[in-house]
């Protein structure tokens, strides 16, 4: 499991080998907002369990959650290229 943070949003991602996807649970200030399932990228530049792969899965989960209305833009820290992601604490 990997935890990523963006603003007040925390994303906990787990690689699911059988399903070939990441299960990303999203919460804001400790309150669970939902789960997003993110498929593995078609062109991997690293293994599916590499730290950079989890970061990209968290970024995608945040984007999907914003689109689905699970998150508000104010819940996320923004950078030049979209959501700013950092490694979260367990």
N, C-alpha and C. Protein backbone atom coordinates (compact mmCIF):
# COMPACT_ATOMS: atom_id res chain seq x y z
N UNK A 1 0.84 -1.18 0.00
CA UNK A 1 0.00 0.00 0.00
C UNK A 1 0.88 1.24 0.00
N UNK A 2 0.42 2.25 -0.69
CA UNK A 2 1.12 3.52 -0.74
C UNK A 2 0.13 4.64 -0.42
N UNK A 3 0.58 5.61 0.33
CA UNK A 3 -0.25 6.75 0.70
C UNK A 3 0.33 7.99 0.05
N UNK A 4 -0.53 8.74 -0.63
CA UNK A 4 -0.14 9.98 -1.25
C UNK A 4 -1.06 11.08 -0.75
N UNK A 5 -0.55 12.31 -0.72
CA UNK A 5 -1.27 13.46 -0.18
C UNK A 5 -1.29 14.56 -1.23
N UNK A 6 -2.42 15.27 -1.32
CA UNK A 6 -2.53 16.47 -2.14
C UNK A 6 -3.48 17.41 -1.43
N UNK A 7 -2.94 18.47 -0.85
CA UNK A 7 -3.76 19.37 -0.06
C UNK A 7 -4.33 18.63 1.13
N UNK A 8 -5.64 18.71 1.33
CA UNK A 8 -6.29 17.99 2.44
C UNK A 8 -6.77 16.61 2.02
N UNK A 9 -6.45 16.20 0.80
CA UNK A 9 -6.87 14.89 0.28
C UNK A 9 -5.77 13.86 0.48
N UNK A 10 -6.15 12.72 1.03
CA UNK A 10 -5.23 11.58 1.18
C UNK A 10 -5.73 10.45 0.29
N UNK A 11 -4.78 9.84 -0.44
CA UNK A 11 -5.11 8.74 -1.34
C UNK A 11 -4.30 7.52 -0.91
N UNK A 12 -4.98 6.43 -0.59
CA UNK A 12 -4.33 5.17 -0.22
C UNK A 12 -4.53 4.20 -1.38
N UNK A 13 -3.43 3.82 -2.03
CA UNK A 13 -3.51 2.96 -3.22
C UNK A 13 -2.93 1.58 -2.93
N UNK A 14 -3.60 0.59 -3.46
CA UNK A 14 -3.16 -0.80 -3.38
C UNK A 14 -3.19 -1.37 -4.79
N UNK A 15 -2.12 -2.05 -5.21
CA UNK A 15 -2.09 -2.73 -6.50
C UNK A 15 -2.83 -4.06 -6.35
N UNK A 16 -3.79 -4.30 -7.24
CA UNK A 16 -4.55 -5.55 -7.23
C UNK A 16 -4.11 -6.36 -8.46
N UNK A 17 -3.31 -7.36 -8.21
CA UNK A 17 -2.70 -8.13 -9.29
C UNK A 17 -3.72 -8.86 -10.15
N UNK A 18 -4.68 -9.50 -9.53
CA UNK A 18 -5.68 -10.25 -10.30
C UNK A 18 -6.51 -9.36 -11.21
N UNK A 19 -6.85 -8.18 -10.74
CA UNK A 19 -7.67 -7.26 -11.52
C UNK A 19 -6.82 -6.36 -12.42
N UNK A 20 -5.52 -6.35 -12.21
CA UNK A 20 -4.60 -5.53 -12.99
C UNK A 20 -4.94 -4.04 -12.87
N UNK A 21 -5.23 -3.61 -11.63
CA UNK A 21 -5.52 -2.20 -11.40
C UNK A 21 -5.12 -1.79 -9.98
N UNK A 22 -5.23 -0.48 -9.73
CA UNK A 22 -4.99 0.07 -8.41
C UNK A 22 -6.35 0.40 -7.78
N UNK A 23 -6.50 0.07 -6.51
CA UNK A 23 -7.68 0.48 -5.74
C UNK A 23 -7.23 1.65 -4.90
N UNK A 24 -7.81 2.81 -5.17
CA UNK A 24 -7.40 4.04 -4.49
C UNK A 24 -8.56 4.59 -3.65
N UNK A 25 -8.39 4.56 -2.34
CA UNK A 25 -9.39 5.11 -1.42
C UNK A 25 -9.04 6.56 -1.15
N UNK A 26 -10.01 7.44 -1.30
CA UNK A 26 -9.79 8.87 -1.11
C UNK A 26 -10.49 9.35 0.15
N UNK A 27 -9.80 10.19 0.92
CA UNK A 27 -10.40 10.80 2.10
C UNK A 27 -9.94 12.24 2.19
N UNK A 28 -10.78 13.06 2.80
CA UNK A 28 -10.48 14.47 3.00
C UNK A 28 -10.61 14.75 4.49
N UNK A 29 -9.50 15.18 5.09
CA UNK A 29 -9.46 15.46 6.52
C UNK A 29 -9.99 14.29 7.34
N UNK A 30 -9.62 13.07 6.93
CA UNK A 30 -10.00 11.87 7.65
C UNK A 30 -11.37 11.32 7.32
N UNK A 31 -12.16 12.03 6.52
CA UNK A 31 -13.50 11.57 6.15
C UNK A 31 -13.45 10.92 4.77
N UNK A 32 -13.85 9.66 4.71
CA UNK A 32 -13.77 8.91 3.46
C UNK A 32 -14.74 9.49 2.42
N UNK A 33 -14.20 9.69 1.21
CA UNK A 33 -15.01 10.25 0.13
C UNK A 33 -15.38 9.23 -0.93
N UNK A 34 -14.62 8.12 -1.03
CA UNK A 34 -14.95 7.11 -2.02
C UNK A 34 -13.72 6.35 -2.48
N UNK A 35 -13.94 5.49 -3.47
CA UNK A 35 -12.88 4.64 -4.02
C UNK A 35 -12.87 4.80 -5.53
N UNK A 36 -11.69 4.89 -6.10
CA UNK A 36 -11.51 4.92 -7.54
C UNK A 36 -10.63 3.74 -7.93
N UNK A 37 -10.94 3.10 -9.03
CA UNK A 37 -10.13 2.01 -9.56
C UNK A 37 -9.41 2.53 -10.80
N UNK A 38 -8.09 2.44 -10.78
CA UNK A 38 -7.27 2.99 -11.85
C UNK A 38 -6.49 1.86 -12.50
N UNK A 39 -6.66 1.69 -13.79
CA UNK A 39 -5.95 0.65 -14.52
C UNK A 39 -4.48 0.98 -14.67
N UNK A 40 -3.69 -0.05 -14.90
CA UNK A 40 -2.26 0.15 -15.14
C UNK A 40 -2.07 0.86 -16.47
N UNK A 41 -1.08 1.75 -16.56
CA UNK A 41 -0.83 2.42 -17.84
C UNK A 41 -0.44 1.41 -18.92
N UNK A 42 -0.81 1.68 -20.14
CA UNK A 42 -0.48 0.77 -21.23
C UNK A 42 1.02 0.68 -21.46
N UNK A 43 1.72 1.77 -21.28
CA UNK A 43 3.17 1.79 -21.48
C UNK A 43 3.85 2.08 -20.16
N UNK A 44 4.28 1.04 -19.49
CA UNK A 44 4.92 1.20 -18.19
C UNK A 44 6.36 1.65 -18.35
N UNK A 45 6.74 2.66 -17.58
CA UNK A 45 8.14 3.08 -17.54
C UNK A 45 8.81 2.56 -16.28
N UNK A 46 8.01 1.99 -15.38
CA UNK A 46 8.51 1.38 -14.14
C UNK A 46 7.57 0.22 -13.80
N UNK A 47 7.96 -0.58 -12.83
CA UNK A 47 7.08 -1.68 -12.43
C UNK A 47 5.81 -1.12 -11.77
N UNK A 48 4.76 -1.93 -11.74
CA UNK A 48 3.48 -1.47 -11.20
C UNK A 48 3.54 -1.16 -9.71
N UNK A 49 4.54 -1.69 -9.01
CA UNK A 49 4.64 -1.40 -7.58
C UNK A 49 5.77 -0.42 -7.26
N UNK A 50 6.25 0.29 -8.26
CA UNK A 50 7.26 1.33 -8.05
C UNK A 50 6.61 2.56 -7.42
N UNK A 51 7.34 3.31 -6.60
CA UNK A 51 6.76 4.51 -6.00
C UNK A 51 6.18 5.49 -7.03
N UNK A 52 6.85 5.64 -8.16
CA UNK A 52 6.35 6.57 -9.18
C UNK A 52 5.03 6.09 -9.78
N UNK A 53 4.85 4.77 -9.88
CA UNK A 53 3.59 4.22 -10.41
C UNK A 53 2.44 4.51 -9.45
N UNK A 54 2.69 4.38 -8.14
CA UNK A 54 1.66 4.71 -7.16
C UNK A 54 1.31 6.20 -7.19
N UNK A 55 2.31 7.04 -7.38
CA UNK A 55 2.06 8.48 -7.47
C UNK A 55 1.17 8.80 -8.66
N UNK A 56 1.46 8.18 -9.81
CA UNK A 56 0.64 8.42 -11.00
C UNK A 56 -0.78 7.87 -10.82
N UNK A 57 -0.92 6.73 -10.15
CA UNK A 57 -2.25 6.19 -9.88
C UNK A 57 -3.03 7.13 -8.97
N UNK A 58 -2.37 7.69 -7.95
CA UNK A 58 -3.03 8.64 -7.05
C UNK A 58 -3.45 9.89 -7.82
N UNK A 59 -2.60 10.37 -8.71
CA UNK A 59 -2.94 11.56 -9.52
C UNK A 59 -4.18 11.27 -10.38
N UNK A 60 -4.21 10.09 -11.00
CA UNK A 60 -5.36 9.72 -11.83
C UNK A 60 -6.62 9.58 -10.97
N UNK A 61 -6.49 8.97 -9.79
CA UNK A 61 -7.65 8.80 -8.91
C UNK A 61 -8.23 10.15 -8.50
N UNK A 62 -7.36 11.11 -8.21
CA UNK A 62 -7.83 12.46 -7.86
C UNK A 62 -8.56 13.08 -9.04
N UNK A 63 -8.02 12.95 -10.23
CA UNK A 63 -8.67 13.51 -11.42
C UNK A 63 -10.04 12.89 -11.64
N UNK A 64 -10.12 11.55 -11.52
CA UNK A 64 -11.41 10.88 -11.69
C UNK A 64 -12.40 11.31 -10.60
N UNK A 65 -11.92 11.42 -9.36
CA UNK A 65 -12.80 11.81 -8.25
C UNK A 65 -13.31 13.24 -8.43
N UNK A 66 -12.48 14.13 -8.92
CA UNK A 66 -12.93 15.49 -9.20
C UNK A 66 -14.02 15.48 -10.27
N UNK A 67 -13.80 14.69 -11.31
CA UNK A 67 -14.76 14.59 -12.40
C UNK A 67 -16.08 13.98 -11.93
N UNK A 68 -16.00 13.02 -11.02
CA UNK A 68 -17.20 12.35 -10.50
C UNK A 68 -17.89 13.12 -9.38
N UNK A 69 -17.31 14.22 -8.92
CA UNK A 69 -17.89 15.02 -7.85
C UNK A 69 -17.60 14.52 -6.45
N UNK A 70 -16.69 13.55 -6.29
CA UNK A 70 -16.32 13.06 -4.96
C UNK A 70 -15.46 14.07 -4.21
N UNK A 71 -14.68 14.84 -4.96
CA UNK A 71 -13.79 15.84 -4.37
C UNK A 71 -14.14 17.21 -4.93
N UNK A 72 -13.76 18.22 -4.16
CA UNK A 72 -13.89 19.60 -4.59
C UNK A 72 -12.48 20.10 -4.93
N UNK A 73 -12.37 21.02 -5.87
CA UNK A 73 -11.04 21.53 -6.24
C UNK A 73 -10.30 22.13 -5.06
N UNK A 74 -11.03 22.64 -4.08
CA UNK A 74 -10.38 23.23 -2.90
C UNK A 74 -9.76 22.17 -1.98
N UNK A 75 -10.11 20.88 -2.19
CA UNK A 75 -9.55 19.79 -1.38
C UNK A 75 -8.16 19.37 -1.86
N UNK A 76 -7.75 19.87 -3.02
CA UNK A 76 -6.53 19.40 -3.68
C UNK A 76 -5.52 20.54 -3.80
N UNK A 77 -4.24 20.22 -3.63
CA UNK A 77 -3.16 21.20 -3.85
C UNK A 77 -2.81 21.17 -5.33
N UNK A 78 -2.71 22.35 -5.94
CA UNK A 78 -2.48 22.44 -7.38
C UNK A 78 -1.08 22.95 -7.69
N UNK A 79 -0.50 22.37 -8.74
CA UNK A 79 0.77 22.80 -9.28
C UNK A 79 0.59 23.18 -10.74
N UNK A 80 1.68 23.42 -11.43
CA UNK A 80 1.60 23.81 -12.84
C UNK A 80 1.01 22.73 -13.73
N UNK A 81 1.26 21.45 -13.39
CA UNK A 81 0.84 20.34 -14.23
C UNK A 81 -0.34 19.57 -13.66
N UNK A 82 -1.11 20.17 -12.79
CA UNK A 82 -2.25 19.49 -12.19
C UNK A 82 -2.09 19.32 -10.71
N UNK A 83 -2.70 18.28 -10.14
CA UNK A 83 -2.60 18.06 -8.69
C UNK A 83 -1.16 17.84 -8.24
N UNK A 84 -0.76 18.55 -7.20
CA UNK A 84 0.58 18.37 -6.61
C UNK A 84 0.50 17.23 -5.61
N UNK A 85 1.29 16.20 -5.83
CA UNK A 85 1.25 14.98 -5.03
C UNK A 85 2.51 14.86 -4.20
N UNK A 86 2.34 14.49 -2.92
CA UNK A 86 3.50 14.19 -2.06
C UNK A 86 3.26 12.85 -1.38
N UNK A 87 4.34 12.29 -0.87
CA UNK A 87 4.25 11.00 -0.16
C UNK A 87 3.63 11.28 1.20
N UNK A 88 2.56 10.56 1.51
CA UNK A 88 1.84 10.77 2.76
C UNK A 88 2.41 9.91 3.87
N UNK A 89 1.97 10.20 5.07
CA UNK A 89 2.38 9.42 6.25
C UNK A 89 1.37 8.34 6.54
N UNK A 90 1.86 7.24 7.07
CA UNK A 90 0.95 6.15 7.44
C UNK A 90 0.36 6.39 8.79
